[in-house]
Amino acid sequence: MKIYFTRHGQTEWNVLRKLQGWNNSNLTEKGIEYAKRLAHRLKDVDFDYIYSSSQQRALDTAKIIRGNRKSEIICLEELKEIKFGLWEGMELSKVQELYREEYDTYLNRPHQYEPLEGESFSEVYARVERALDKILSTEAENILIVSHGITLKVLTAIIKGIPLEELYKISVQPGTALNICQYDENGFRFIVEGDTSHLSEGAEDEVR
């Protein structure tokens, strides 16, 4: 089985540098365009199933990539972004100003992060593992997953066997970056990781 996974395209709140979490904002024109470029890159791949976060920005990206294929899009709640709680809708600069120590822990000591009305990383690990178990139980040759920055960071850690304490070593990928994994009796093997060659300009660092 080949598993393709990508982050949703750029959104309005990405541009405003606001944390989204379980809230949502629409894809920008750039986000739509980048999703279209990834769709073109993957146009010859016959996806048996497409698994998407139930959040609209991911689902819209999944639909663009699917194009005219008849592949079923299956929404999984387990693929949602981390819940930021009180931080959702806040500009990143404001979070850093008001919650400096908490945000530093979030970035650099994820195993010690205590969310303010949100989710811990261990909770995200648990639900992403559940999602992966569901996906791997499917009889398929090609699977596409469309999700979010932190969720895909955790998925990458699970695939590579990286513990929560070292999650900070994995970077959040830009919107529509492409990852491809081969999964068989020998486990997982990355074929492509964080590739943005389908984009004509450098992908900027975006807020989750």
C-alpha atoms as a PDB file:
ATOM      1  CA  MET A   1       0.000   0.000   0.000  1.00  0.00           C
ATOM      2  CA  LYS A   2       1.152   3.519  -0.800  1.00  0.00           C
ATOM      3  CA  ILE A   3      -0.030   6.236   1.545  1.00  0.00           C
ATOM      4  CA  TYR A   4       0.060   9.801   0.261  1.00  0.00           C
ATOM      5  CA  PHE A   5      -0.540  12.542   2.793  1.00  0.00           C
ATOM      6  CA  THR A   6      -0.652  16.307   2.697  1.00  0.00           C
ATOM      7  CA  ARG A   7      -1.660  19.361   4.671  1.00  0.00           C
ATOM      8  CA  HIS A   8      -4.589  21.542   3.600  1.00  0.00           C
ATOM      9  CA  GLY A   9      -3.921  24.612   1.483  1.00  0.00           C
ATOM     10  CA  GLN A  10      -3.268  28.070   2.882  1.00  0.00           C
ATOM     11  CA  THR A  11      -6.251  29.618   4.715  1.00  0.00           C
ATOM     12  CA  GLU A  12      -7.348  33.134   5.639  1.00  0.00           C
ATOM     13  CA  TRP A  13      -6.238  32.644   9.241  1.00  0.00           C
ATOM     14  CA  ASN A  14      -2.856  31.318   8.090  1.00  0.00           C
ATOM     15  CA  VAL A  15      -2.343  34.689   6.404  1.00  0.00           C
ATOM     16  CA  LEU A  16      -3.482  36.561   9.525  1.00  0.00           C
ATOM     17  CA  ARG A  17      -1.270  34.280  11.649  1.00  0.00           C
ATOM     18  CA  LYS A  18      -4.148  33.138  13.829  1.00  0.00           C
ATOM     19  CA  LEU A  19      -4.257  29.715  15.453  1.00  0.00           C
ATOM     20  CA  GLN A  20      -7.112  27.678  14.017  1.00  0.00           C
ATOM     21  CA  GLY A  21      -7.236  24.346  15.827  1.00  0.00           C
ATOM     22  CA  TRP A  22     -10.823  23.099  15.807  1.00  0.00           C
ATOM     23  CA  ASN A  23     -12.045  26.411  14.405  1.00  0.00           C
ATOM     24  CA  ASN A  24     -11.998  26.972  10.675  1.00  0.00           C
ATOM     25  CA  SER A  25     -11.274  29.585   8.039  1.00  0.00           C
ATOM     26  CA  ASN A  26     -11.620  29.333   4.287  1.00  0.00           C
ATOM     27  CA  LEU A  27      -8.888  28.514   1.808  1.00  0.00           C
ATOM     28  CA  THR A  28      -7.320  31.564   0.182  1.00  0.00           C
ATOM     29  CA  GLU A  29      -6.922  31.871  -3.577  1.00  0.00           C
ATOM     30  CA  LYS A  30      -3.322  30.808  -3.071  1.00  0.00           C
ATOM     31  CA  GLY A  31      -4.422  27.826  -1.008  1.00  0.00           C
ATOM     32  CA  ILE A  32      -6.806  26.754  -3.759  1.00  0.00           C
ATOM     33  CA  GLU A  33      -4.146  27.256  -6.434  1.00  0.00           C
ATOM     34  CA  TYR A  34      -1.578  25.176  -4.544  1.00  0.00           C
ATOM     35  CA  ALA A  35      -4.124  22.411  -4.032  1.00  0.00           C
ATOM     36  CA  LYS A  36      -4.763  22.467  -7.791  1.00  0.00           C
ATOM     37  CA  ARG A  37      -1.032  22.153  -8.468  1.00  0.00           C
ATOM     38  CA  LEU A  38      -0.812  19.138  -6.180  1.00  0.00           C
ATOM     39  CA  ALA A  39      -3.878  17.690  -7.881  1.00  0.00           C
ATOM     40  CA  HIS A  40      -2.114  18.023 -11.229  1.00  0.00           C
ATOM     41  CA  ARG A  41       0.992  16.363  -9.843  1.00  0.00           C
ATOM     42  CA  LEU A  42      -1.093  13.412  -8.613  1.00  0.00           C
ATOM     43  CA  LYS A  43      -3.422  13.259 -11.613  1.00  0.00           C
ATOM     44  CA  ASP A  44      -2.218   9.809 -12.686  1.00  0.00           C
ATOM     45  CA  VAL A  45      -2.569   8.205  -9.249  1.00  0.00           C
ATOM     46  CA  ASP A  46      -5.665   6.043  -8.865  1.00  0.00           C
ATOM     47  CA  PHE A  47      -6.700   6.594  -5.253  1.00  0.00           C
ATOM     48  CA  ASP A  48      -8.831   3.800  -3.812  1.00  0.00           C
ATOM     49  CA  TYR A  49      -9.881   6.000  -0.916  1.00  0.00           C
ATOM     50  CA  ILE A  50      -9.280   9.537   0.270  1.00  0.00           C
ATOM     51  CA  TYR A  51      -9.297  10.102   4.022  1.00  0.00           C
ATOM     52  CA  SER A  52      -9.834  13.673   5.176  1.00  0.00           C
ATOM     53  CA  SER A  53     -10.172  15.549   8.405  1.00  0.00           C
ATOM     54  CA  SER A  54     -13.793  16.558   8.880  1.00  0.00           C
ATOM     55  CA  GLN A  55     -12.738  20.218   9.062  1.00  0.00           C
ATOM     56  CA  GLN A  56     -13.748  22.240   6.019  1.00  0.00           C
ATOM     57  CA  ARG A  57     -10.303  23.504   5.022  1.00  0.00           C
ATOM     58  CA  ALA A  58      -9.028  19.935   4.759  1.00  0.00           C
ATOM     59  CA  LEU A  59     -12.174  18.630   3.094  1.00  0.00           C
ATOM     60  CA  ASP A  60     -12.097  21.425   0.491  1.00  0.00           C
ATOM     61  CA  THR A  61      -8.455  20.574  -0.255  1.00  0.00           C
ATOM     62  CA  ALA A  62      -9.319  16.873  -0.562  1.00  0.00           C
ATOM     63  CA  LYS A  63     -12.083  17.638  -3.054  1.00  0.00           C
ATOM     64  CA  ILE A  64      -9.747  19.720  -5.200  1.00  0.00           C
ATOM     65  CA  ILE A  65      -7.137  16.961  -5.265  1.00  0.00           C
ATOM     66  CA  ARG A  66      -9.763  14.315  -6.046  1.00  0.00           C
ATOM     67  CA  GLY A  67     -10.900  16.248  -9.106  1.00  0.00           C
ATOM     68  CA  ASN A  68     -12.964  14.068 -11.427  1.00  0.00           C
ATOM     69  CA  ARG A  69     -12.038  10.789  -9.783  1.00  0.00           C
ATOM     70  CA  LYS A  70     -14.825   8.713  -8.301  1.00  0.00           C
ATOM     71  CA  SER A  71     -12.737   7.994  -5.186  1.00  0.00           C
ATOM     72  CA  GLU A  72     -14.759   8.115  -1.993  1.00  0.00           C
ATOM     73  CA  ILE A  73     -13.778  10.794   0.516  1.00  0.00           C
ATOM     74  CA  ILE A  74     -14.060   9.413   4.049  1.00  0.00           C
ATOM     75  CA  CYS A  75     -14.057  11.986   6.845  1.00  0.00           C
ATOM     76  CA  LEU A  76     -12.353  10.937  10.064  1.00  0.00           C
ATOM     77  CA  GLU A  77     -12.739  12.998  13.227  1.00  0.00           C
ATOM     78  CA  GLU A  78      -9.417  11.541  14.354  1.00  0.00           C
ATOM     79  CA  LEU A  79      -7.655  13.510  11.591  1.00  0.00           C
ATOM     80  CA  LYS A  80      -8.740  16.919  12.934  1.00  0.00           C
ATOM     81  CA  GLU A  81      -6.148  19.473  13.971  1.00  0.00           C
ATOM     82  CA  ILE A  82      -5.030  19.686  17.589  1.00  0.00           C
ATOM     83  CA  LYS A  83      -7.560  21.576  19.704  1.00  0.00           C
ATOM     84  CA  PHE A  84      -5.911  24.783  20.932  1.00  0.00           C
ATOM     85  CA  GLY A  85      -8.734  25.737  23.294  1.00  0.00           C
ATOM     86  CA  LEU A  86      -8.343  29.311  24.562  1.00  0.00           C
ATOM     87  CA  TRP A  87      -5.711  30.039  21.922  1.00  0.00           C
ATOM     88  CA  GLU A  88      -8.014  29.421  18.966  1.00  0.00           C
ATOM     89  CA  GLY A  89      -8.710  32.548  16.952  1.00  0.00           C
ATOM     90  CA  MET A  90      -5.828  34.409  18.623  1.00  0.00           C
ATOM     91  CA  GLU A  91      -2.942  35.877  16.673  1.00  0.00           C
ATOM     92  CA  LEU A  92       0.267  33.987  17.281  1.00  0.00           C
ATOM     93  CA  SER A  93       1.999  37.149  18.537  1.00  0.00           C
ATOM     94  CA  LYS A  94      -0.728  37.567  21.162  1.00  0.00           C
ATOM     95  CA  VAL A  95      -0.384  33.956  22.321  1.00  0.00           C
ATOM     96  CA  GLN A  96       3.382  34.457  22.639  1.00  0.00           C
ATOM     97  CA  GLU A  97       2.813  37.659  24.618  1.00  0.00           C
ATOM     98  CA  LEU A  98       0.141  36.388  27.009  1.00  0.00           C
ATOM     99  CA  TYR A  99       1.207  32.743  27.354  1.00  0.00           C
ATOM    100  CA  ARG A 100       4.960  32.912  26.820  1.00  0.00           C
ATOM    101  CA  GLU A 101       5.921  29.998  29.091  1.00  0.00           C
ATOM    102  CA  GLU A 102       3.019  27.787  27.986  1.00  0.00           C
ATOM    103  CA  TYR A 103       3.783  28.390  24.312  1.00  0.00           C
ATOM    104  CA  ASP A 104       7.464  27.663  24.834  1.00  0.00           C
ATOM    105  CA  THR A 105       6.498  24.354  26.454  1.00  0.00           C
ATOM    106  CA  TYR A 106       4.128  23.630  23.562  1.00  0.00           C
ATOM    107  CA  LEU A 107       6.956  24.128  21.054  1.00  0.00           C
ATOM    108  CA  ASN A 108       9.921  22.593  22.850  1.00  0.00           C
ATOM    109  CA  ARG A 109       8.646  20.222  25.552  1.00  0.00           C
ATOM    110  CA  PRO A 110       5.492  18.706  24.045  1.00  0.00           C
ATOM    111  CA  HIS A 111       5.303  15.932  26.657  1.00  0.00           C
ATOM    112  CA  GLN A 112       4.925  18.601  29.372  1.00  0.00           C
ATOM    113  CA  TYR A 113       2.419  20.792  27.487  1.00  0.00           C
ATOM    114  CA  GLU A 114      -0.795  21.342  29.462  1.00  0.00           C
ATOM    115  CA  PRO A 115      -3.468  22.833  27.171  1.00  0.00           C
ATOM    116  CA  LEU A 116      -5.830  25.581  28.227  1.00  0.00           C
ATOM    117  CA  GLU A 117      -9.206  23.988  27.443  1.00  0.00           C
ATOM    118  CA  GLY A 118      -7.620  22.174  24.518  1.00  0.00           C
ATOM    119  CA  GLU A 119      -5.907  18.866  23.763  1.00  0.00           C
ATOM    120  CA  SER A 120      -2.625  17.478  24.989  1.00  0.00           C
ATOM    121  CA  PHE A 121      -0.189  15.959  22.509  1.00  0.00           C
ATOM    122  CA  SER A 122      -0.717  12.542  24.054  1.00  0.00           C
ATOM    123  CA  GLU A 123      -4.417  12.824  23.220  1.00  0.00           C
ATOM    124  CA  VAL A 124      -3.553  13.742  19.627  1.00  0.00           C
ATOM    125  CA  TYR A 125      -1.125  10.807  19.409  1.00  0.00           C
ATOM    126  CA  ALA A 126      -3.866   8.430  20.581  1.00  0.00           C
ATOM    127  CA  ARG A 127      -6.454   9.563  18.051  1.00  0.00           C
ATOM    128  CA  VAL A 128      -4.006   9.701  15.141  1.00  0.00           C
ATOM    129  CA  GLU A 129      -2.990   6.117  15.967  1.00  0.00           C
ATOM    130  CA  ARG A 130      -6.676   5.154  15.832  1.00  0.00           C
ATOM    131  CA  ALA A 131      -7.013   6.840  12.433  1.00  0.00           C
ATOM    132  CA  LEU A 132      -3.931   5.068  11.102  1.00  0.00           C
ATOM    133  CA  ASP A 133      -5.219   1.698  12.316  1.00  0.00           C
ATOM    134  CA  LYS A 134      -8.492   2.284  10.447  1.00  0.00           C
ATOM    135  CA  ILE A 135      -6.672   3.307   7.273  1.00  0.00           C
ATOM    136  CA  LEU A 136      -4.245   0.367   7.334  1.00  0.00           C
ATOM    137  CA  SER A 137      -7.117  -2.084   7.736  1.00  0.00           C
ATOM    138  CA  THR A 138      -8.385  -1.034   4.295  1.00  0.00           C
ATOM    139  CA  GLU A 139      -7.800  -3.195   1.228  1.00  0.00           C
ATOM    140  CA  ALA A 140      -6.202  -0.653  -1.081  1.00  0.00           C
ATOM    141  CA  GLU A 141      -3.175   0.119  -3.222  1.00  0.00           C
ATOM    142  CA  ASN A 142      -3.224   3.920  -3.000  1.00  0.00           C
ATOM    143  CA  ILE A 143      -4.580   6.016  -0.139  1.00  0.00           C
ATOM    144  CA  LEU A 144      -4.610   9.802   0.236  1.00  0.00           C
ATOM    145  CA  ILE A 145      -4.799  11.528   3.622  1.00  0.00           C
ATOM    146  CA  VAL A 146      -5.575  15.261   3.877  1.00  0.00           C
ATOM    147  CA  SER A 147      -5.140  16.745   7.324  1.00  0.00           C
ATOM    148  CA  HIS A 148      -3.418  19.515   9.300  1.00  0.00           C
ATOM    149  CA  GLY A 149       0.019  20.732  10.355  1.00  0.00           C
ATOM    150  CA  ILE A 150       0.242  19.347  13.875  1.00  0.00           C
ATOM    151  CA  THR A 151      -1.802  16.231  13.105  1.00  0.00           C
ATOM    152  CA  LEU A 152       0.519  15.296  10.235  1.00  0.00           C
ATOM    153  CA  LYS A 153       3.541  16.081  12.401  1.00  0.00           C
ATOM    154  CA  VAL A 154       2.225  13.508  14.880  1.00  0.00           C
ATOM    155  CA  LEU A 155       1.434  11.048  12.064  1.00  0.00           C
ATOM    156  CA  THR A 156       5.033  11.364  10.836  1.00  0.00           C
ATOM    157  CA  ALA A 157       6.307  10.722  14.367  1.00  0.00           C
ATOM    158  CA  ILE A 158       4.150   7.598  14.680  1.00  0.00           C
ATOM    159  CA  ILE A 159       5.318   6.247  11.319  1.00  0.00           C
ATOM    160  CA  LYS A 160       8.977   6.880  12.235  1.00  0.00           C
ATOM    161  CA  GLY A 161       8.625   5.638  15.796  1.00  0.00           C
ATOM    162  CA  ILE A 162       9.569   9.009  17.286  1.00  0.00           C
ATOM    163  CA  PRO A 163       8.348   9.408  20.895  1.00  0.00           C
ATOM    164  CA  LEU A 164       6.312  12.345  22.131  1.00  0.00           C
ATOM    165  CA  GLU A 165       9.314  13.775  23.981  1.00  0.00           C
ATOM    166  CA  GLU A 166      11.076  14.280  20.646  1.00  0.00           C
ATOM    167  CA  LEU A 167       8.126  15.570  18.630  1.00  0.00           C
ATOM    168  CA  TYR A 168       9.711  19.036  18.590  1.00  0.00           C
ATOM    169  CA  LYS A 169      12.346  17.696  16.180  1.00  0.00           C
ATOM    170  CA  ILE A 170       9.743  17.411  13.396  1.00  0.00           C
ATOM    171  CA  SER A 171       8.847  20.588  11.505  1.00  0.00           C
ATOM    172  CA  VAL A 172       5.332  21.605  10.522  1.00  0.00           C
ATOM    173  CA  GLN A 173       5.081  21.316   6.745  1.00  0.00           C
ATOM    174  CA  PRO A 174       3.728  24.070   4.487  1.00  0.00           C
ATOM    175  CA  GLY A 175       0.319  23.696   2.875  1.00  0.00           C
ATOM    176  CA  THR A 176       0.037  20.974   0.200  1.00  0.00           C
ATOM    177  CA  ALA A 177       3.546  19.595   0.832  1.00  0.00           C
ATOM    178  CA  LEU A 178       3.563  15.989  -0.376  1.00  0.00           C
ATOM    179  CA  ASN A 179       4.554  12.872   1.559  1.00  0.00           C
ATOM    180  CA  ILE A 180       4.485   9.317   0.211  1.00  0.00           C
ATOM    181  CA  CYS A 181       5.000   6.186   2.320  1.00  0.00           C
ATOM    182  CA  GLN A 182       5.204   2.559   1.292  1.00  0.00           C
ATOM    183  CA  TYR A 183       3.564   0.219   3.794  1.00  0.00           C
ATOM    184  CA  ASP A 184       4.023  -3.562   3.626  1.00  0.00           C
ATOM    185  CA  GLU A 185       5.023  -6.523   5.783  1.00  0.00           C
ATOM    186  CA  ASN A 186       8.312  -4.746   6.553  1.00  0.00           C
ATOM    187  CA  GLY A 187       6.533  -1.690   7.941  1.00  0.00           C
ATOM    188  CA  PHE A 188       6.754   1.888   6.685  1.00  0.00           C
ATOM    189  CA  ARG A 189       9.270   3.432   4.320  1.00  0.00           C
ATOM    190  CA  PHE A 190       9.205   7.072   3.257  1.00  0.00           C
ATOM    191  CA  ILE A 191       9.540   7.541  -0.500  1.00  0.00           C
ATOM    192  CA  VAL A 192       8.853  11.292  -0.533  1.00  0.00           C
ATOM    193  CA  GLU A 193       8.788  13.598   2.484  1.00  0.00           C
ATOM    194  CA  GLY A 194       7.669  17.217   2.700  1.00  0.00           C
ATOM    195  CA  ASP A 195       8.127  17.811  -1.016  1.00  0.00           C
ATOM    196  CA  THR A 196       6.942  21.117  -2.522  1.00  0.00           C
ATOM    197  CA  SER A 197       8.456  20.822  -6.005  1.00  0.00           C
ATOM    198  CA  HIS A 198       4.966  21.222  -7.517  1.00  0.00           C
ATOM    199  CA  LEU A 199       4.939  24.811  -6.241  1.00  0.00           C
ATOM    200  CA  SER A 200       6.632  27.499  -8.279  1.00  0.00           C
ATOM    201  CA  GLU A 201       7.585  29.619  -5.280  1.00  0.00           C
ATOM    202  CA  GLY A 202       8.931  28.864  -1.835  1.00  0.00           C
ATOM    203  CA  ALA A 203       6.272  27.949   0.681  1.00  0.00           C
ATOM    204  CA  GLU A 204       6.354  30.327   3.631  1.00  0.00           C
ATOM    205  CA  ASP A 205       6.165  29.314   7.262  1.00  0.00           C
ATOM    206  CA  GLU A 206       2.498  29.256   8.198  1.00  0.00           C
ATOM    207  CA  VAL A 207       0.666  29.220  11.497  1.00  0.00           C
ATOM    208  CA  ARG A 208      -1.141  25.961  12.279  1.00  0.00           C
END
